[in-house]
Amino acid sequence: MSYYDTTIYWHAYTKMNRTKIIYITAVSAILAIFILSSLQVVSQGKEIFLSEGCADCHSFKGHGGETAPDLTAVGERRSTLWIMSQIKDPKSHNPDSRMPEFGHLSMFERYAIAHYLKG
């Protein structure tokens, strides 16, 4: 292989790797932002539970209302996805449910509440 061929090969190789490196760096940055934002919201599960008025009706670990089911052991009976679905659309599990929908909550906020209830 001549010097010219080697130079072209090396240039194409480094350009291809540069593209891969930029792509991997961008994906890693996006993933890091996603993880950090979800961790921040998860730590706020209790605050979201209280601010959305869940404790007005539900009790949890001895505190809260008595008009809706006690959620102390819900984490042992239900999966995280089930709890998140229940928060978003309670009628999907029980058409006669009196619980209001919390569809305005983001997936992270619903996950934070579910994580709090499972803890």
N, C-alpha and C. Protein backbone atom coordinates (compact mmCIF):
# COMPACT_ATOMS: atom_id res chain seq x y z
N MET A 1 0.85 -1.18 0.00
CA MET A 1 0.00 0.00 0.00
C MET A 1 0.90 1.24 0.00
N SER A 2 0.59 2.18 -0.84
CA SER A 2 1.40 3.40 -0.94
C SER A 2 1.07 4.36 0.21
N TYR A 3 1.92 5.36 0.32
CA TYR A 3 1.69 6.41 1.33
C TYR A 3 0.35 7.08 1.10
N TYR A 4 0.03 7.35 -0.15
CA TYR A 4 -1.23 8.00 -0.51
C TYR A 4 -2.42 7.14 -0.08
N ASP A 5 -2.38 5.84 -0.37
CA ASP A 5 -3.46 4.93 0.03
C ASP A 5 -3.59 4.86 1.54
N THR A 6 -2.48 4.82 2.23
CA THR A 6 -2.49 4.76 3.70
C THR A 6 -3.09 6.03 4.28
N THR A 7 -2.77 7.17 3.71
CA THR A 7 -3.30 8.45 4.19
C THR A 7 -4.81 8.52 3.98
N ILE A 8 -5.27 8.10 2.83
CA ILE A 8 -6.72 8.10 2.57
C ILE A 8 -7.43 7.14 3.52
N TYR A 9 -6.86 5.96 3.70
CA TYR A 9 -7.45 4.97 4.61
C TYR A 9 -7.51 5.53 6.03
N TRP A 10 -6.41 6.12 6.48
CA TRP A 10 -6.36 6.65 7.85
C TRP A 10 -7.37 7.79 8.02
N HIS A 11 -7.47 8.65 7.02
CA HIS A 11 -8.42 9.76 7.10
C HIS A 11 -9.86 9.24 7.18
N ALA A 12 -10.20 8.26 6.34
CA ALA A 12 -11.54 7.68 6.36
C ALA A 12 -11.80 6.99 7.70
N TYR A 13 -10.81 6.30 8.21
CA TYR A 13 -10.95 5.58 9.48
C TYR A 13 -11.18 6.55 10.64
N THR A 14 -10.37 7.60 10.71
CA THR A 14 -10.51 8.55 11.81
C THR A 14 -11.80 9.35 11.69
N LYS A 15 -12.22 9.66 10.48
CA LYS A 15 -13.48 10.38 10.30
C LYS A 15 -14.65 9.51 10.75
N MET A 16 -14.62 8.21 10.41
CA MET A 16 -15.67 7.29 10.82
C MET A 16 -15.70 7.19 12.35
N ASN A 17 -14.53 7.08 12.96
CA ASN A 17 -14.48 6.97 14.41
C ASN A 17 -14.91 8.26 15.09
N ARG A 18 -14.56 9.40 14.49
CA ARG A 18 -15.01 10.68 15.05
C ARG A 18 -16.53 10.74 15.09
N THR A 19 -17.17 10.30 14.03
CA THR A 19 -18.63 10.28 13.98
C THR A 19 -19.19 9.38 15.06
N LYS A 20 -18.59 8.20 15.21
CA LYS A 20 -19.04 7.28 16.26
C LYS A 20 -18.84 7.89 17.65
N ILE A 21 -17.70 8.52 17.85
CA ILE A 21 -17.41 9.12 19.16
C ILE A 21 -18.40 10.23 19.46
N ILE A 22 -18.70 11.07 18.49
CA ILE A 22 -19.68 12.14 18.69
C ILE A 22 -21.05 11.55 19.00
N TYR A 23 -21.43 10.52 18.26
CA TYR A 23 -22.73 9.87 18.49
C TYR A 23 -22.79 9.26 19.89
N ILE A 24 -21.76 8.52 20.26
CA ILE A 24 -21.74 7.88 21.58
C ILE A 24 -21.74 8.92 22.69
N THR A 25 -21.01 10.00 22.51
CA THR A 25 -20.98 11.08 23.51
C THR A 25 -22.35 11.72 23.65
N ALA A 26 -23.02 11.98 22.55
CA ALA A 26 -24.35 12.59 22.60
C ALA A 26 -25.35 11.66 23.27
N VAL A 27 -25.31 10.39 22.91
CA VAL A 27 -26.23 9.43 23.52
C VAL A 27 -25.95 9.31 25.01
N SER A 28 -24.69 9.27 25.38
CA SER A 28 -24.32 9.18 26.80
C SER A 28 -24.80 10.40 27.58
N ALA A 29 -24.67 11.58 26.99
CA ALA A 29 -25.13 12.80 27.66
C ALA A 29 -26.63 12.80 27.84
N ILE A 30 -27.35 12.40 26.82
CA ILE A 30 -28.81 12.33 26.91
C ILE A 30 -29.23 11.32 27.97
N LEU A 31 -28.59 10.16 27.98
CA LEU A 31 -28.89 9.13 28.97
C LEU A 31 -28.60 9.63 30.38
N ALA A 32 -27.49 10.32 30.56
CA ALA A 32 -27.15 10.87 31.88
C ALA A 32 -28.18 11.89 32.35
N ILE A 33 -28.62 12.76 31.45
CA ILE A 33 -29.65 13.74 31.80
C ILE A 33 -30.95 13.03 32.18
N PHE A 34 -31.32 12.01 31.41
CA PHE A 34 -32.54 11.23 31.68
C PHE A 34 -32.46 10.58 33.06
N ILE A 35 -31.33 9.95 33.36
CA ILE A 35 -31.18 9.26 34.65
C ILE A 35 -31.19 10.25 35.80
N LEU A 36 -30.45 11.34 35.66
CA LEU A 36 -30.40 12.33 36.74
C LEU A 36 -31.75 12.98 36.99
N SER A 37 -32.49 13.28 35.94
CA SER A 37 -33.80 13.90 36.14
C SER A 37 -34.77 12.90 36.77
N SER A 38 -34.68 11.63 36.39
CA SER A 38 -35.58 10.65 37.00
C SER A 38 -35.22 10.42 38.46
N LEU A 39 -33.92 10.42 38.79
CA LEU A 39 -33.52 10.25 40.19
C LEU A 39 -33.99 11.42 41.03
N GLN A 40 -33.93 12.61 40.48
CA GLN A 40 -34.38 13.80 41.21
C GLN A 40 -35.87 13.69 41.51
N VAL A 41 -36.65 13.29 40.52
CA VAL A 41 -38.10 13.18 40.71
C VAL A 41 -38.43 12.04 41.67
N VAL A 42 -37.73 10.90 41.57
CA VAL A 42 -38.00 9.76 42.44
C VAL A 42 -37.82 10.16 43.89
N SER A 43 -36.83 10.98 44.17
CA SER A 43 -36.62 11.40 45.56
C SER A 43 -37.74 12.30 46.06
N GLN A 44 -38.59 12.78 45.14
CA GLN A 44 -39.69 13.66 45.52
C GLN A 44 -41.02 12.92 45.60
N GLY A 45 -41.00 11.60 45.61
CA GLY A 45 -42.24 10.81 45.63
C GLY A 45 -43.19 11.17 46.76
N LYS A 46 -42.64 11.33 47.94
CA LYS A 46 -43.47 11.67 49.10
C LYS A 46 -44.10 13.05 48.92
N GLU A 47 -43.31 14.00 48.46
CA GLU A 47 -43.82 15.36 48.26
C GLU A 47 -44.93 15.39 47.20
N ILE A 48 -44.73 14.63 46.13
CA ILE A 48 -45.76 14.57 45.08
C ILE A 48 -47.02 13.91 45.62
N PHE A 49 -46.86 12.83 46.38
CA PHE A 49 -47.99 12.12 47.00
C PHE A 49 -48.80 13.09 47.86
N LEU A 50 -48.12 13.90 48.64
CA LEU A 50 -48.81 14.84 49.53
C LEU A 50 -49.38 16.03 48.76
N SER A 51 -48.61 16.59 47.83
CA SER A 51 -49.07 17.79 47.12
C SER A 51 -50.25 17.50 46.18
N GLU A 52 -50.35 16.29 45.68
CA GLU A 52 -51.47 15.93 44.80
C GLU A 52 -52.72 15.54 45.59
N GLY A 53 -52.61 15.52 46.91
CA GLY A 53 -53.76 15.25 47.75
C GLY A 53 -54.06 13.77 47.96
N CYS A 54 -53.12 12.91 47.64
CA CYS A 54 -53.35 11.46 47.82
C CYS A 54 -53.62 11.12 49.28
N ALA A 55 -52.90 11.80 50.18
CA ALA A 55 -53.05 11.53 51.61
C ALA A 55 -54.37 12.06 52.17
N ASP A 56 -55.10 12.85 51.40
CA ASP A 56 -56.41 13.31 51.87
C ASP A 56 -57.39 12.14 51.92
N CYS A 57 -57.22 11.18 51.03
CA CYS A 57 -58.12 10.03 50.97
C CYS A 57 -57.45 8.74 51.44
N HIS A 58 -56.19 8.52 51.03
CA HIS A 58 -55.47 7.29 51.35
C HIS A 58 -54.60 7.48 52.58
N SER A 59 -54.49 6.43 53.37
CA SER A 59 -53.50 6.44 54.44
C SER A 59 -52.30 5.63 53.98
N PHE A 60 -51.14 6.01 54.52
CA PHE A 60 -49.89 5.32 54.20
C PHE A 60 -49.02 5.33 55.44
N LYS A 61 -48.72 4.15 55.92
CA LYS A 61 -47.91 3.97 57.13
C LYS A 61 -48.47 4.74 58.31
N GLY A 62 -49.79 4.66 58.47
CA GLY A 62 -50.46 5.23 59.62
C GLY A 62 -50.85 6.70 59.52
N HIS A 63 -50.58 7.32 58.40
CA HIS A 63 -50.90 8.75 58.23
C HIS A 63 -51.76 8.94 57.00
N GLY A 64 -52.75 9.82 57.10
CA GLY A 64 -53.57 10.15 55.94
C GLY A 64 -55.03 9.88 56.16
N GLY A 65 -55.78 9.94 55.07
CA GLY A 65 -57.23 9.80 55.12
C GLY A 65 -57.69 8.37 55.27
N GLU A 66 -59.01 8.25 55.43
CA GLU A 66 -59.60 6.93 55.65
C GLU A 66 -60.72 6.61 54.67
N THR A 67 -60.94 7.48 53.68
CA THR A 67 -62.05 7.25 52.73
C THR A 67 -61.66 6.32 51.59
N ALA A 68 -60.36 6.13 51.37
CA ALA A 68 -59.88 5.26 50.29
C ALA A 68 -58.99 4.17 50.92
N PRO A 69 -58.64 3.16 50.15
CA PRO A 69 -57.84 2.07 50.70
C PRO A 69 -56.50 2.52 51.29
N ASP A 70 -56.08 1.83 52.33
CA ASP A 70 -54.78 2.04 52.94
C ASP A 70 -53.71 1.54 51.96
N LEU A 71 -52.70 2.33 51.70
CA LEU A 71 -51.69 1.98 50.71
C LEU A 71 -50.39 1.48 51.33
N THR A 72 -50.40 1.20 52.62
CA THR A 72 -49.18 0.78 53.30
C THR A 72 -48.55 -0.46 52.66
N ALA A 73 -49.33 -1.45 52.31
CA ALA A 73 -48.78 -2.70 51.76
C ALA A 73 -49.02 -2.84 50.26
N VAL A 74 -49.39 -1.76 49.59
CA VAL A 74 -49.69 -1.86 48.15
C VAL A 74 -48.46 -2.30 47.35
N GLY A 75 -47.29 -1.93 47.80
CA GLY A 75 -46.06 -2.31 47.11
C GLY A 75 -45.79 -3.80 47.13
N GLU A 76 -46.34 -4.49 48.11
CA GLU A 76 -46.18 -5.94 48.20
C GLU A 76 -47.20 -6.66 47.32
N ARG A 77 -48.34 -6.03 47.09
CA ARG A 77 -49.42 -6.66 46.32
C ARG A 77 -49.41 -6.31 44.84
N ARG A 78 -48.89 -5.15 44.50
CA ARG A 78 -48.98 -4.64 43.13
C ARG A 78 -47.60 -4.28 42.58
N SER A 79 -47.47 -4.39 41.27
CA SER A 79 -46.21 -4.02 40.61
C SER A 79 -46.13 -2.50 40.47
N THR A 80 -44.95 -2.02 40.19
CA THR A 80 -44.75 -0.59 39.96
C THR A 80 -45.58 -0.12 38.77
N LEU A 81 -45.59 -0.90 37.70
CA LEU A 81 -46.37 -0.51 36.52
C LEU A 81 -47.86 -0.47 36.82
N TRP A 82 -48.35 -1.40 37.63
CA TRP A 82 -49.76 -1.40 38.00
C TRP A 82 -50.10 -0.13 38.78
N ILE A 83 -49.24 0.22 39.73
CA ILE A 83 -49.48 1.42 40.54
C ILE A 83 -49.47 2.67 39.65
N MET A 84 -48.49 2.74 38.74
CA MET A 84 -48.42 3.89 37.83
C MET A 84 -49.66 3.99 36.96
N SER A 85 -50.15 2.85 36.49
CA SER A 85 -51.36 2.82 35.68
C SER A 85 -52.58 3.24 36.50
N GLN A 86 -52.64 2.79 37.72
CA GLN A 86 -53.75 3.14 38.62
C GLN A 86 -53.78 4.64 38.88
N ILE A 87 -52.61 5.24 39.05
CA ILE A 87 -52.54 6.68 39.29
C ILE A 87 -53.03 7.44 38.05
N LYS A 88 -52.61 7.01 36.89
CA LYS A 88 -52.97 7.70 35.65
C LYS A 88 -54.44 7.55 35.32
N ASP A 89 -54.95 6.31 35.41
CA ASP A 89 -56.34 6.04 35.02
C ASP A 89 -56.93 4.94 35.91
N PRO A 90 -57.46 5.30 37.07
CA PRO A 90 -57.98 4.30 38.01
C PRO A 90 -59.11 3.44 37.43
N LYS A 91 -59.87 4.00 36.52
CA LYS A 91 -61.00 3.25 35.95
C LYS A 91 -60.53 2.11 35.04
N SER A 92 -59.26 2.10 34.66
CA SER A 92 -58.75 1.01 33.84
C SER A 92 -58.71 -0.30 34.62
N HIS A 93 -58.62 -0.21 35.94
CA HIS A 93 -58.61 -1.40 36.79
C HIS A 93 -59.97 -1.67 37.42
N ASN A 94 -60.69 -0.60 37.69
CA ASN A 94 -62.01 -0.72 38.31
C ASN A 94 -62.91 0.38 37.74
N PRO A 95 -63.84 0.01 36.86
CA PRO A 95 -64.71 1.03 36.25
C PRO A 95 -65.53 1.83 37.25
N ASP A 96 -65.73 1.30 38.45
CA ASP A 96 -66.51 1.99 39.48
C ASP A 96 -65.65 2.81 40.44
N SER A 97 -64.38 2.94 40.16
CA SER A 97 -63.47 3.65 41.05
C SER A 97 -63.88 5.11 41.20
N ARG A 98 -63.80 5.62 42.43
CA ARG A 98 -64.10 7.02 42.70
C ARG A 98 -62.83 7.87 42.71
N MET A 99 -61.70 7.20 42.55
CA MET A 99 -60.42 7.93 42.54
C MET A 99 -60.33 8.77 41.27
N PRO A 100 -59.91 10.04 41.40
CA PRO A 100 -59.76 10.87 40.19
C PRO A 100 -58.54 10.43 39.38
N GLU A 101 -58.56 10.77 38.11
CA GLU A 101 -57.42 10.49 37.24
C GLU A 101 -56.32 11.51 37.51
N PHE A 102 -55.09 11.06 37.43
CA PHE A 102 -53.95 11.94 37.57
C PHE A 102 -53.10 11.88 36.30
N GLY A 103 -53.78 11.96 35.16
CA GLY A 103 -53.13 11.90 33.87
C GLY A 103 -52.19 13.07 33.61
N HIS A 104 -52.36 14.15 34.38
CA HIS A 104 -51.48 15.31 34.19
C HIS A 104 -50.08 15.07 34.76
N LEU A 105 -49.93 14.04 35.58
CA LEU A 105 -48.61 13.74 36.14
C LEU A 105 -47.74 13.07 35.07
N SER A 106 -46.48 13.41 35.05
CA SER A 106 -45.57 12.79 34.09
C SER A 106 -45.28 11.36 34.49
N MET A 107 -44.68 10.62 33.58
CA MET A 107 -44.30 9.25 33.88
C MET A 107 -43.34 9.22 35.07
N PHE A 108 -42.41 10.19 35.13
CA PHE A 108 -41.47 10.26 36.23
C PHE A 108 -42.18 10.51 37.56
N GLU A 109 -43.16 11.38 37.56
CA GLU A 109 -43.88 11.69 38.79
C GLU A 109 -44.69 10.49 39.26
N ARG A 110 -45.33 9.80 38.32
CA ARG A 110 -46.08 8.59 38.69
C ARG A 110 -45.13 7.51 39.20
N TYR A 111 -43.96 7.39 38.57
CA TYR A 111 -42.96 6.43 39.03
C TYR A 111 -42.48 6.81 40.43
N ALA A 112 -42.30 8.10 40.68
CA ALA A 112 -41.84 8.55 42.00
C ALA A 112 -42.84 8.18 43.08
N ILE A 113 -44.12 8.36 42.81
CA ILE A 113 -45.15 7.97 43.79
C ILE A 113 -45.12 6.46 44.00
N ALA A 114 -45.05 5.70 42.91
CA ALA A 114 -45.02 4.24 43.02
C ALA A 114 -43.80 3.79 43.81
N HIS A 115 -42.66 4.40 43.54
CA HIS A 115 -41.42 4.07 44.26
C HIS A 115 -41.56 4.39 45.74
N TYR A 116 -42.15 5.51 46.04
CA TYR A 116 -42.40 5.90 47.44
C TYR A 116 -43.31 4.89 48.13
N LEU A 117 -44.36 4.46 47.45
CA LEU A 117 -45.31 3.51 48.05
C LEU A 117 -44.70 2.12 48.21
N LYS A 118 -43.73 1.78 47.41
CA LYS A 118 -43.09 0.47 47.51
C LYS A 118 -41.99 0.45 48.59
N GLY A 119 -41.59 1.64 49.03
CA GLY A 119 -40.46 1.73 49.99
C GLY A 119 -40.84 1.57 51.41
